[in-house]
C-alpha atoms as a PDB file:
ATOM      1  CA  UNK A   1      -7.862  -8.066  21.509  1.00  0.00           C
ATOM      2  CA  UNK A   2      -9.059  -7.233  17.987  1.00  0.00           C
ATOM      3  CA  UNK A   3     -12.472  -6.467  19.522  1.00  0.00           C
ATOM      4  CA  UNK A   4     -10.819  -3.804  21.704  1.00  0.00           C
ATOM      5  CA  UNK A   5      -9.298  -2.300  18.572  1.00  0.00           C
ATOM      6  CA  UNK A   6     -12.715  -2.219  16.904  1.00  0.00           C
ATOM      7  CA  UNK A   7     -14.280  -0.507  19.943  1.00  0.00           C
ATOM      8  CA  UNK A   8     -11.680   2.283  19.946  1.00  0.00           C
ATOM      9  CA  UNK A   9     -10.545   2.623  16.318  1.00  0.00           C
ATOM     10  CA  UNK A  10      -8.627   5.466  14.748  1.00  0.00           C
ATOM     11  CA  UNK A  11     -11.224   7.310  12.687  1.00  0.00           C
ATOM     12  CA  UNK A  12     -10.447   8.943   9.337  1.00  0.00           C
ATOM     13  CA  UNK A  13     -12.454  10.369   6.488  1.00  0.00           C
ATOM     14  CA  UNK A  14     -10.540   8.352   3.859  1.00  0.00           C
ATOM     15  CA  UNK A  15      -7.769   5.771   3.779  1.00  0.00           C
ATOM     16  CA  UNK A  16      -5.539   4.923   0.816  1.00  0.00           C
ATOM     17  CA  UNK A  17      -3.619   1.625   0.716  1.00  0.00           C
ATOM     18  CA  UNK A  18      -1.455   0.369  -2.125  1.00  0.00           C
ATOM     19  CA  UNK A  19       0.880  -2.529  -2.879  1.00  0.00           C
ATOM     20  CA  UNK A  20      -0.265  -4.977  -0.204  1.00  0.00           C
ATOM     21  CA  UNK A  21       0.745  -7.928  -2.453  1.00  0.00           C
ATOM     22  CA  UNK A  22      -1.469 -10.632  -0.968  1.00  0.00           C
ATOM     23  CA  UNK A  23      -0.276 -13.977  -2.324  1.00  0.00           C
ATOM     24  CA  UNK A  24       3.374 -12.947  -2.130  1.00  0.00           C
ATOM     25  CA  UNK A  25       5.635 -14.303   0.595  1.00  0.00           C
ATOM     26  CA  UNK A  26       7.022 -10.846   1.334  1.00  0.00           C
ATOM     27  CA  UNK A  27       3.608  -9.394   2.196  1.00  0.00           C
ATOM     28  CA  UNK A  28       3.518  -8.057   5.772  1.00  0.00           C
ATOM     29  CA  UNK A  29      -0.050  -9.312   6.220  1.00  0.00           C
ATOM     30  CA  UNK A  30      -0.003  -9.199  10.008  1.00  0.00           C
ATOM     31  CA  UNK A  31       0.616  -5.454   9.955  1.00  0.00           C
ATOM     32  CA  UNK A  32      -2.041  -4.930   7.260  1.00  0.00           C
ATOM     33  CA  UNK A  33      -4.601  -6.845   9.298  1.00  0.00           C
ATOM     34  CA  UNK A  34      -3.809  -4.939  12.463  1.00  0.00           C
ATOM     35  CA  UNK A  35      -4.087  -1.626  10.601  1.00  0.00           C
ATOM     36  CA  UNK A  36      -7.471  -2.543   9.121  1.00  0.00           C
ATOM     37  CA  UNK A  37      -8.775  -3.713  12.497  1.00  0.00           C
ATOM     38  CA  UNK A  38      -7.510  -0.525  14.159  1.00  0.00           C
ATOM     39  CA  UNK A  39      -9.112   2.008  11.801  1.00  0.00           C
ATOM     40  CA  UNK A  40     -12.450   3.204  10.469  1.00  0.00           C
ATOM     41  CA  UNK A  41     -13.164   5.412   7.467  1.00  0.00           C
ATOM     42  CA  UNK A  42     -15.932   6.517   5.122  1.00  0.00           C
ATOM     43  CA  UNK A  43     -13.909   5.660   2.025  1.00  0.00           C
ATOM     44  CA  UNK A  44     -11.228   3.024   1.587  1.00  0.00           C
ATOM     45  CA  UNK A  45      -9.202   3.191  -1.620  1.00  0.00           C
ATOM     46  CA  UNK A  46      -7.193   0.106  -2.607  1.00  0.00           C
ATOM     47  CA  UNK A  47      -4.657   1.686  -4.946  1.00  0.00           C
ATOM     48  CA  UNK A  48      -3.373  -1.304  -6.884  1.00  0.00           C
ATOM     49  CA  UNK A  49      -1.254  -4.424  -6.430  1.00  0.00           C
ATOM     50  CA  UNK A  50      -3.506  -5.561  -3.616  1.00  0.00           C
ATOM     51  CA  UNK A  51      -3.267  -9.157  -4.880  1.00  0.00           C
ATOM     52  CA  UNK A  52       0.013 -10.285  -6.453  1.00  0.00           C
ATOM     53  CA  UNK A  53      -1.038 -12.447  -9.401  1.00  0.00           C
ATOM     54  CA  UNK A  54       2.500 -12.322 -10.798  1.00  0.00           C
ATOM     55  CA  UNK A  55       3.872 -14.027  -7.688  1.00  0.00           C
ATOM     56  CA  UNK A  56       1.142 -16.656  -7.670  1.00  0.00           C
ATOM     57  CA  UNK A  57       2.046 -17.784 -11.178  1.00  0.00           C
ATOM     58  CA  UNK A  58       5.156 -19.303  -9.624  1.00  0.00           C
ATOM     59  CA  UNK A  59       3.110 -21.323  -7.138  1.00  0.00           C
ATOM     60  CA  UNK A  60       0.102 -20.648  -4.938  1.00  0.00           C
ATOM     61  CA  UNK A  61       0.898 -19.031  -1.621  1.00  0.00           C
ATOM     62  CA  UNK A  62      -2.146 -17.909   0.379  1.00  0.00           C
ATOM     63  CA  UNK A  63      -1.842 -18.404   4.149  1.00  0.00           C
ATOM     64  CA  UNK A  64      -4.670 -17.797   6.610  1.00  0.00           C
ATOM     65  CA  UNK A  65      -3.419 -14.289   7.415  1.00  0.00           C
ATOM     66  CA  UNK A  66      -3.983 -13.302   3.787  1.00  0.00           C
ATOM     67  CA  UNK A  67      -7.511 -14.715   4.027  1.00  0.00           C
ATOM     68  CA  UNK A  68      -8.109 -12.612   7.116  1.00  0.00           C
ATOM     69  CA  UNK A  69      -6.941  -9.437   5.375  1.00  0.00           C
ATOM     70  CA  UNK A  70      -9.280 -10.066   2.423  1.00  0.00           C
ATOM     71  CA  UNK A  71     -12.146 -10.885   4.793  1.00  0.00           C
ATOM     72  CA  UNK A  72     -11.562  -7.677   6.757  1.00  0.00           C
ATOM     73  CA  UNK A  73     -11.759  -5.597   3.577  1.00  0.00           C
ATOM     74  CA  UNK A  74     -15.024  -7.219   2.498  1.00  0.00           C
ATOM     75  CA  UNK A  75     -16.414  -6.851   6.025  1.00  0.00           C
ATOM     76  CA  UNK A  76     -15.707  -3.115   5.943  1.00  0.00           C
ATOM     77  CA  UNK A  77     -17.478  -2.806   2.596  1.00  0.00           C
ATOM     78  CA  UNK A  78     -20.474  -4.768   3.855  1.00  0.00           C
ATOM     79  CA  UNK A  79     -20.701  -2.573   6.962  1.00  0.00           C
ATOM     80  CA  UNK A  80     -20.950   0.703   5.030  1.00  0.00           C
ATOM     81  CA  UNK A  81     -17.430   1.763   4.082  1.00  0.00           C
ATOM     82  CA  UNK A  82     -17.193   2.729   0.419  1.00  0.00           C
ATOM     83  CA  UNK A  83     -14.396   0.468  -0.834  1.00  0.00           C
ATOM     84  CA  UNK A  84     -12.920   1.249  -4.255  1.00  0.00           C
ATOM     85  CA  UNK A  85     -10.388  -1.119  -5.816  1.00  0.00           C
ATOM     86  CA  UNK A  86      -8.088   0.381  -8.470  1.00  0.00           C
ATOM     87  CA  UNK A  87      -6.024  -2.467  -9.998  1.00  0.00           C
ATOM     88  CA  UNK A  88      -2.276  -2.190 -10.565  1.00  0.00           C
ATOM     89  CA  UNK A  89       0.107  -4.091 -12.802  1.00  0.00           C
ATOM     90  CA  UNK A  90       0.409  -7.101 -10.460  1.00  0.00           C
ATOM     91  CA  UNK A  91      -3.371  -7.531 -10.318  1.00  0.00           C
ATOM     92  CA  UNK A  92      -4.019  -6.111 -13.794  1.00  0.00           C
ATOM     93  CA  UNK A  93      -6.425  -8.924 -14.739  1.00  0.00           C
ATOM     94  CA  UNK A  94      -9.066  -7.088 -12.710  1.00  0.00           C
ATOM     95  CA  UNK A  95      -8.876  -4.235 -15.233  1.00  0.00           C
ATOM     96  CA  UNK A  96     -10.995  -6.454 -17.457  1.00  0.00           C
ATOM     97  CA  UNK A  97     -13.816  -5.971 -14.933  1.00  0.00           C
ATOM     98  CA  UNK A  98     -13.922  -2.176 -14.517  1.00  0.00           C
ATOM     99  CA  UNK A  99     -17.252  -1.081 -13.081  1.00  0.00           C
ATOM    100  CA  UNK A 100     -17.972  -4.535 -11.661  1.00  0.00           C
ATOM    101  CA  UNK A 101     -18.591  -5.265  -8.011  1.00  0.00           C
ATOM    102  CA  UNK A 102     -16.992  -8.056  -6.032  1.00  0.00           C
ATOM    103  CA  UNK A 103     -19.257  -8.244  -3.031  1.00  0.00           C
ATOM    104  CA  UNK A 104     -19.563  -4.574  -2.094  1.00  0.00           C
ATOM    105  CA  UNK A 105     -16.156  -3.630  -3.518  1.00  0.00           C
ATOM    106  CA  UNK A 106     -16.286  -1.700  -6.796  1.00  0.00           C
ATOM    107  CA  UNK A 107     -13.499  -1.838  -9.407  1.00  0.00           C
ATOM    108  CA  UNK A 108     -12.351   1.407 -11.050  1.00  0.00           C
ATOM    109  CA  UNK A 109      -9.438   2.305 -13.328  1.00  0.00           C
ATOM    110  CA  UNK A 110      -8.969   5.666 -11.608  1.00  0.00           C
ATOM    111  CA  UNK A 111     -10.939   8.046  -9.389  1.00  0.00           C
ATOM    112  CA  UNK A 112     -10.896  11.779  -8.677  1.00  0.00           C
ATOM    113  CA  UNK A 113     -11.131  12.162  -4.904  1.00  0.00           C
ATOM    114  CA  UNK A 114     -12.234  15.477  -3.383  1.00  0.00           C
ATOM    115  CA  UNK A 115     -10.909  16.094   0.112  1.00  0.00           C
ATOM    116  CA  UNK A 116     -12.944  17.722   2.884  1.00  0.00           C
ATOM    117  CA  UNK A 117     -11.173  21.043   2.209  1.00  0.00           C
ATOM    118  CA  UNK A 118     -12.052  20.946  -1.495  1.00  0.00           C
ATOM    119  CA  UNK A 119      -8.823  19.770  -3.120  1.00  0.00           C
ATOM    120  CA  UNK A 120      -9.097  17.352  -6.029  1.00  0.00           C
ATOM    121  CA  UNK A 121      -6.724  14.389  -6.329  1.00  0.00           C
ATOM    122  CA  UNK A 122      -6.399  11.848  -9.099  1.00  0.00           C
ATOM    123  CA  UNK A 123      -6.162   8.392  -7.534  1.00  0.00           C
ATOM    124  CA  UNK A 124      -4.573   5.592  -9.587  1.00  0.00           C
ATOM    125  CA  UNK A 125      -1.920   2.932  -9.187  1.00  0.00           C
ATOM    126  CA  UNK A 126       0.741   4.642 -11.293  1.00  0.00           C
ATOM    127  CA  UNK A 127       2.247   1.886 -13.428  1.00  0.00           C
ATOM    128  CA  UNK A 128       1.167   3.813 -16.539  1.00  0.00           C
ATOM    129  CA  UNK A 129       3.949   6.285 -15.711  1.00  0.00           C
ATOM    130  CA  UNK A 130       6.593   3.585 -15.447  1.00  0.00           C
ATOM    131  CA  UNK A 131       8.318   3.297 -18.826  1.00  0.00           C
ATOM    132  CA  UNK A 132       9.845  -0.067 -17.927  1.00  0.00           C
ATOM    133  CA  UNK A 133       6.479  -1.638 -17.134  1.00  0.00           C
ATOM    134  CA  UNK A 134       4.760  -0.075 -20.123  1.00  0.00           C
ATOM    135  CA  UNK A 135       7.410  -0.697 -22.766  1.00  0.00           C
ATOM    136  CA  UNK A 136       9.301  -3.775 -21.577  1.00  0.00           C
ATOM    137  CA  UNK A 137       7.012  -6.048 -19.611  1.00  0.00           C
ATOM    138  CA  UNK A 138       9.500  -8.929 -19.680  1.00  0.00           C
ATOM    139  CA  UNK A 139      12.156  -6.655 -18.134  1.00  0.00           C
ATOM    140  CA  UNK A 140       9.752  -5.519 -15.434  1.00  0.00           C
ATOM    141  CA  UNK A 141       9.023  -9.139 -14.498  1.00  0.00           C
ATOM    142  CA  UNK A 142      12.729  -9.960 -14.452  1.00  0.00           C
ATOM    143  CA  UNK A 143      13.254  -7.037 -12.089  1.00  0.00           C
ATOM    144  CA  UNK A 144      10.348  -8.289 -10.001  1.00  0.00           C
ATOM    145  CA  UNK A 145      12.034 -11.681  -9.542  1.00  0.00           C
ATOM    146  CA  UNK A 146      15.288 -10.025  -8.431  1.00  0.00           C
ATOM    147  CA  UNK A 147      13.270  -7.880  -6.036  1.00  0.00           C
ATOM    148  CA  UNK A 148      11.588 -11.015  -4.641  1.00  0.00           C
ATOM    149  CA  UNK A 149      14.994 -12.497  -3.795  1.00  0.00           C
ATOM    150  CA  UNK A 150      16.036  -9.257  -2.109  1.00  0.00           C
ATOM    151  CA  UNK A 151      12.881  -9.337   0.011  1.00  0.00           C
ATOM    152  CA  UNK A 152      13.554 -12.950   0.979  1.00  0.00           C
ATOM    153  CA  UNK A 153      16.956 -11.819   2.238  1.00  0.00           C
ATOM    154  CA  UNK A 154      15.199  -8.974   4.009  1.00  0.00           C
ATOM    155  CA  UNK A 155      13.002 -11.529   5.816  1.00  0.00           C
ATOM    156  CA  UNK A 156      16.036 -13.412   7.089  1.00  0.00           C
ATOM    157  CA  UNK A 157      17.640 -10.170   8.221  1.00  0.00           C
ATOM    158  CA  UNK A 158      14.455  -9.143  10.051  1.00  0.00           C
ATOM    159  CA  UNK A 159      14.416 -12.478  11.879  1.00  0.00           C
ATOM    160  CA  UNK A 160      18.029 -12.013  12.967  1.00  0.00           C
ATOM    161  CA  UNK A 161      17.301  -8.436  14.098  1.00  0.00           C
ATOM    162  CA  UNK A 162      14.339  -9.702  16.116  1.00  0.00           C
ATOM    163  CA  UNK A 163      16.679 -11.997  18.065  1.00  0.00           C
ATOM    164  CA  UNK A 164      18.445  -8.864  19.295  1.00  0.00           C
ATOM    165  CA  UNK A 165      15.198  -6.990  20.018  1.00  0.00           C
ATOM    166  CA  UNK A 166      15.702  -4.562  17.133  1.00  0.00           C
ATOM    167  CA  UNK A 167      12.862  -2.840  15.307  1.00  0.00           C
ATOM    168  CA  UNK A 168      11.593  -3.749  11.834  1.00  0.00           C
ATOM    169  CA  UNK A 169      13.868  -2.402   9.083  1.00  0.00           C
ATOM    170  CA  UNK A 170      13.785  -2.870   5.332  1.00  0.00           C
ATOM    171  CA  UNK A 171      17.022  -3.661   3.504  1.00  0.00           C
ATOM    172  CA  UNK A 172      15.242  -3.198   0.174  1.00  0.00           C
ATOM    173  CA  UNK A 173      14.021   0.234   1.223  1.00  0.00           C
ATOM    174  CA  UNK A 174      17.493   1.233   2.411  1.00  0.00           C
ATOM    175  CA  UNK A 175      19.112   0.223  -0.873  1.00  0.00           C
ATOM    176  CA  UNK A 176      16.422   2.029  -2.836  1.00  0.00           C
ATOM    177  CA  UNK A 177      17.322   5.262  -1.038  1.00  0.00           C
ATOM    178  CA  UNK A 178      21.057   4.778  -1.471  1.00  0.00           C
ATOM    179  CA  UNK A 179      21.439   3.543  -5.050  1.00  0.00           C
ATOM    180  CA  UNK A 180      21.805   6.494  -7.421  1.00  0.00           C
ATOM    181  CA  UNK A 181      19.793   4.956 -10.265  1.00  0.00           C
ATOM    182  CA  UNK A 182      16.911   4.130  -7.928  1.00  0.00           C
ATOM    183  CA  UNK A 183      16.845   7.675  -6.566  1.00  0.00           C
ATOM    184  CA  UNK A 184      16.840   9.053 -10.121  1.00  0.00           C
ATOM    185  CA  UNK A 185      14.038   6.665 -11.111  1.00  0.00           C
ATOM    186  CA  UNK A 186      11.874   7.751  -8.179  1.00  0.00           C
ATOM    187  CA  UNK A 187      12.391  11.425  -9.039  1.00  0.00           C
ATOM    188  CA  UNK A 188      11.481  10.872 -12.694  1.00  0.00           C
ATOM    189  CA  UNK A 189       8.389   8.928 -11.680  1.00  0.00           C
ATOM    190  CA  UNK A 190       7.230  11.678  -9.318  1.00  0.00           C
ATOM    191  CA  UNK A 191       7.647  14.347 -12.003  1.00  0.00           C
ATOM    192  CA  UNK A 192       5.708  12.269 -14.546  1.00  0.00           C
ATOM    193  CA  UNK A 193       2.868  11.813 -12.080  1.00  0.00           C
ATOM    194  CA  UNK A 194       2.809  15.534 -11.230  1.00  0.00           C
ATOM    195  CA  UNK A 195       2.705  16.463 -14.911  1.00  0.00           C
ATOM    196  CA  UNK A 196      -0.389  14.312 -15.422  1.00  0.00           C
ATOM    197  CA  UNK A 197      -2.169  16.069 -12.552  1.00  0.00           C
ATOM    198  CA  UNK A 198      -1.226  19.458 -14.014  1.00  0.00           C
ATOM    199  CA  UNK A 199      -2.643  18.508 -17.413  1.00  0.00           C
ATOM    200  CA  UNK A 200      -5.945  17.610 -15.750  1.00  0.00           C
ATOM    201  CA  UNK A 201      -6.055  20.836 -13.703  1.00  0.00           C
ATOM    202  CA  UNK A 202      -6.070  18.887 -10.455  1.00  0.00           C
ATOM    203  CA  UNK A 203      -4.499  19.774  -7.127  1.00  0.00           C
ATOM    204  CA  UNK A 204      -2.667  16.529  -6.624  1.00  0.00           C
ATOM    205  CA  UNK A 205      -2.073  12.867  -7.286  1.00  0.00           C
ATOM    206  CA  UNK A 206      -2.398   9.839  -5.025  1.00  0.00           C
ATOM    207  CA  UNK A 207      -0.657   6.704  -6.261  1.00  0.00           C
ATOM    208  CA  UNK A 208       1.502   3.730  -5.331  1.00  0.00           C
ATOM    209  CA  UNK A 209       3.501   1.324  -7.511  1.00  0.00           C
ATOM    210  CA  UNK A 210       7.126   2.207  -6.671  1.00  0.00           C
ATOM    211  CA  UNK A 211       7.054   1.155  -2.983  1.00  0.00           C
ATOM    212  CA  UNK A 212       8.269   4.573  -1.858  1.00  0.00           C
ATOM    213  CA  UNK A 213       5.943   6.414   0.527  1.00  0.00           C
ATOM    214  CA  UNK A 214       6.153  10.157   0.046  1.00  0.00           C
ATOM    215  CA  UNK A 215       4.210  13.389   0.487  1.00  0.00           C
ATOM    216  CA  UNK A 216       5.650  16.513  -1.103  1.00  0.00           C
ATOM    217  CA  UNK A 217       5.083  19.296  -3.582  1.00  0.00           C
ATOM    218  CA  UNK A 218       6.312  18.484  -7.093  1.00  0.00           C
ATOM    219  CA  UNK A 219       6.099  21.377  -9.554  1.00  0.00           C
ATOM    220  CA  UNK A 220       3.182  22.881  -7.651  1.00  0.00           C
ATOM    221  CA  UNK A 221       1.303  19.577  -7.379  1.00  0.00           C
ATOM    222  CA  UNK A 222       0.657  17.682  -4.138  1.00  0.00           C
ATOM    223  CA  UNK A 223       2.276  14.320  -4.786  1.00  0.00           C
ATOM    224  CA  UNK A 224       1.194  11.557  -2.405  1.00  0.00           C
ATOM    225  CA  UNK A 225       2.457   7.995  -2.663  1.00  0.00           C
ATOM    226  CA  UNK A 226       0.809   5.501  -0.301  1.00  0.00           C
ATOM    227  CA  UNK A 227       3.913   3.337  -0.100  1.00  0.00           C
ATOM    228  CA  UNK A 228       3.445  -0.393   0.412  1.00  0.00           C
ATOM    229  CA  UNK A 229       2.991  -3.287   2.841  1.00  0.00           C
ATOM    230  CA  UNK A 230       6.067  -5.235   1.766  1.00  0.00           C
ATOM    231  CA  UNK A 231       8.849  -2.840   2.760  1.00  0.00           C
ATOM    232  CA  UNK A 232       7.521   0.239   4.551  1.00  0.00           C
ATOM    233  CA  UNK A 233       4.053  -0.726   5.918  1.00  0.00           C
ATOM    234  CA  UNK A 234       2.583   2.711   5.204  1.00  0.00           C
ATOM    235  CA  UNK A 235      -0.863   4.163   4.581  1.00  0.00           C
ATOM    236  CA  UNK A 236      -2.080   7.552   3.430  1.00  0.00           C
ATOM    237  CA  UNK A 237      -4.995   8.863   5.517  1.00  0.00           C
ATOM    238  CA  UNK A 238      -7.277  11.856   5.188  1.00  0.00           C
ATOM    239  CA  UNK A 239      -8.438  13.497   8.401  1.00  0.00           C
ATOM    240  CA  UNK A 240     -11.937  14.912   8.671  1.00  0.00           C
ATOM    241  CA  UNK A 241     -10.671  18.446   7.967  1.00  0.00           C
ATOM    242  CA  UNK A 242      -9.069  17.322   4.691  1.00  0.00           C
ATOM    243  CA  UNK A 243      -5.507  17.126   5.991  1.00  0.00           C
ATOM    244  CA  UNK A 244      -3.493  14.246   4.516  1.00  0.00           C
ATOM    245  CA  UNK A 245      -0.958  12.260   6.519  1.00  0.00           C
ATOM    246  CA  UNK A 246       1.341   9.309   5.924  1.00  0.00           C
ATOM    247  CA  UNK A 247       1.307   6.663   8.649  1.00  0.00           C
ATOM    248  CA  UNK A 248       4.141   4.172   9.048  1.00  0.00           C
ATOM    249  CA  UNK A 249       2.363   1.420  10.933  1.00  0.00           C
ATOM    250  CA  UNK A 250       5.450  -0.382  12.270  1.00  0.00           C
ATOM    251  CA  UNK A 251       6.401   2.808  14.155  1.00  0.00           C
ATOM    252  CA  UNK A 252       3.400   2.214  16.424  1.00  0.00           C
ATOM    253  CA  UNK A 253       5.043  -0.856  17.965  1.00  0.00           C
ATOM    254  CA  UNK A 254       7.767  -1.148  20.604  1.00  0.00           C
ATOM    255  CA  UNK A 255      10.938  -2.629  19.121  1.00  0.00           C
ATOM    256  CA  UNK A 256      10.552  -6.025  20.792  1.00  0.00           C
ATOM    257  CA  UNK A 257       7.033  -6.495  19.404  1.00  0.00           C
ATOM    258  CA  UNK A 258       7.498  -5.856  15.694  1.00  0.00           C
ATOM    259  CA  UNK A 259       8.173  -9.483  14.802  1.00  0.00           C
ATOM    260  CA  UNK A 260       5.344 -11.073  16.784  1.00  0.00           C
ATOM    261  CA  UNK A 261       2.022 -12.227  15.435  1.00  0.00           C
ATOM    262  CA  UNK A 262      -0.774  -9.588  15.604  1.00  0.00           C
ATOM    263  CA  UNK A 263      -2.660 -11.216  18.490  1.00  0.00           C
ATOM    264  CA  UNK A 264       0.519 -11.355  20.578  1.00  0.00           C
ATOM    265  CA  UNK A 265       1.416  -7.768  19.722  1.00  0.00           C
ATOM    266  CA  UNK A 266      -2.018  -6.462  20.701  1.00  0.00           C
ATOM    267  CA  UNK A 267      -2.068  -8.471  23.908  1.00  0.00           C
ATOM    268  CA  UNK A 268       1.294  -7.142  25.047  1.00  0.00           C
ATOM    269  CA  UNK A 269       0.746  -3.563  23.893  1.00  0.00           C
ATOM    270  CA  UNK A 270      -2.629  -3.120  25.567  1.00  0.00           C
END
């Protein structure tokens, strides 16, 4: 069924993916793989935290699905897609290799992307705007461990929901929207990102890091956050006319299919 997807892919000018977290048990690799197999683009930006080296310090976790995702990315690069990897804080070791190529994937610290309609966007992961990560690394890692436990609970809840034929839903994402401090943190982060774009005389910013997909105007700047593939399963895409759009990939599936393996999902949906 993946061959059918490749024969009739969704075609975009550019695709931006962030916070896939390969190597982490909460990674929704089956949705990532299906998305990659279902799309084509001229430019693919990997906007940080693609590989979760923090999680792997606690023990190696790398199932075959994660291999398939990595292989799909390298295959796209080999077949002519310009693939640019911009490391984040969870895969920050790759920042020691800026300018290097891994296969046909090039590593950059940041990139200015010009859309088809002439707008200029700064593309980077965004952890440099997170005061907790920058100033208290130990606190950030402590928060990461608590977040890991929340996502484990989320996995159990998703399994229970699947027994009742309910659609994928993220407990972590729900709490993030409801807790006052989290909402305040997201707003402060968005304003910090917008300010950086203003200082550089750019039209907008494309980032990730906070696992909160969003497209909106912030102080006259187009703020675009790709989201993640742990909670929301979202991607930012650029159409051939320059229009940007956020896709929530789990919304493409009927409710009873969201917990099945990719091959089963494609077979039943086709």
